[in-house]
Amino acid sequence: MKLSARNILPGNVTEITKGEAIANVVMDCDGQRIVSSITVEAATELGLEVGSDVSAVVKASDVMIAVA
């Protein structure tokens, strides 16, 4: 996968809190806690669960999650 974003932080999921529409995904990226708010649908499609290896992709003020 190629991305234009240059701020890519590898990490793993430590917590997922799902609401009706939004899931807050907490990641540990080399000791830094990063939280991303994504749709519950996206979290499900990505197969996210605690312990998943992910990357926090930071572009402007948004944080996206990428799964290899």
Protein backbone atom coordinates (compact mmCIF):
# COMPACT_ATOMS: atom_id res chain seq x y z
CA MET A 1 0.00 0.00 0.00
CA LYS A 2 1.32 3.46 -0.91
CA LEU A 3 0.08 6.61 0.80
CA SER A 4 0.85 10.29 0.41
CA ALA A 5 0.86 10.73 4.19
CA ARG A 6 4.36 10.78 5.68
CA ASN A 7 3.39 10.34 9.33
CA ILE A 8 2.85 6.61 9.71
CA LEU A 9 3.19 5.21 13.23
CA PRO A 10 3.17 1.43 13.68
CA GLY A 11 1.47 0.14 16.79
CA ASN A 12 -1.18 -2.16 18.17
CA VAL A 13 -4.75 -1.80 19.38
CA THR A 14 -5.11 -1.66 23.16
CA GLU A 15 -8.81 -0.74 23.48
CA ILE A 16 -11.92 -0.36 21.33
CA THR A 17 -15.04 1.42 22.56
CA LYS A 18 -18.00 1.12 20.20
CA GLY A 19 -21.02 3.41 20.23
CA GLU A 20 -23.99 3.30 17.87
CA ALA A 21 -22.06 4.76 14.94
CA ILE A 22 -18.53 5.63 16.11
CA ALA A 23 -15.76 3.43 17.49
CA ASN A 24 -12.89 4.96 19.45
CA VAL A 25 -9.79 2.88 18.77
CA VAL A 26 -6.90 3.31 21.21
CA MET A 27 -3.45 2.36 19.92
CA ASP A 28 -0.04 2.07 21.55
CA CYS A 29 2.51 3.43 19.10
CA ASP A 30 5.94 2.91 20.68
CA GLY A 31 4.69 4.04 24.08
CA GLN A 32 2.51 6.85 22.73
CA ARG A 33 -1.27 6.55 23.18
CA ILE A 34 -3.13 7.49 19.99
CA VAL A 35 -6.92 7.48 19.69
CA SER A 36 -8.77 7.40 16.40
CA SER A 37 -12.53 7.85 16.00
CA ILE A 38 -13.78 5.82 13.05
CA THR A 39 -17.13 4.36 12.11
CA VAL A 40 -18.17 1.08 13.70
CA GLU A 41 -18.61 -0.24 10.15
CA ALA A 42 -14.96 0.59 9.31
CA ALA A 43 -13.71 -1.04 12.52
CA THR A 44 -15.67 -4.18 11.67
CA GLU A 45 -14.49 -4.23 8.04
CA LEU A 46 -10.86 -3.89 9.18
CA GLY A 47 -11.35 -6.75 11.63
CA LEU A 48 -9.97 -4.65 14.48
CA GLU A 49 -9.67 -6.22 17.90
CA VAL A 50 -7.46 -5.67 20.93
CA GLY A 51 -3.96 -6.82 20.01
CA SER A 52 -4.32 -6.11 16.27
CA ASP A 53 -1.17 -4.77 14.63
CA VAL A 54 -2.07 -1.49 12.92
CA SER A 55 -0.55 1.76 11.74
CA ALA A 56 -1.80 5.22 12.69
CA VAL A 57 -1.67 7.32 9.53
CA VAL A 58 -1.70 11.05 10.29
CA LYS A 59 -2.62 13.52 7.56
CA ALA A 60 -3.50 17.08 8.61
CA SER A 61 -5.88 16.73 11.57
CA ASP A 62 -7.17 13.23 10.71
CA VAL A 63 -5.92 9.91 12.01
CA MET A 64 -6.71 6.88 9.85
CA ILE A 65 -6.00 3.22 10.57
CA ALA A 66 -4.27 0.96 8.06
CA VAL A 67 -4.10 -2.81 8.24
CA ALA A 68 -1.45 -4.58 6.16
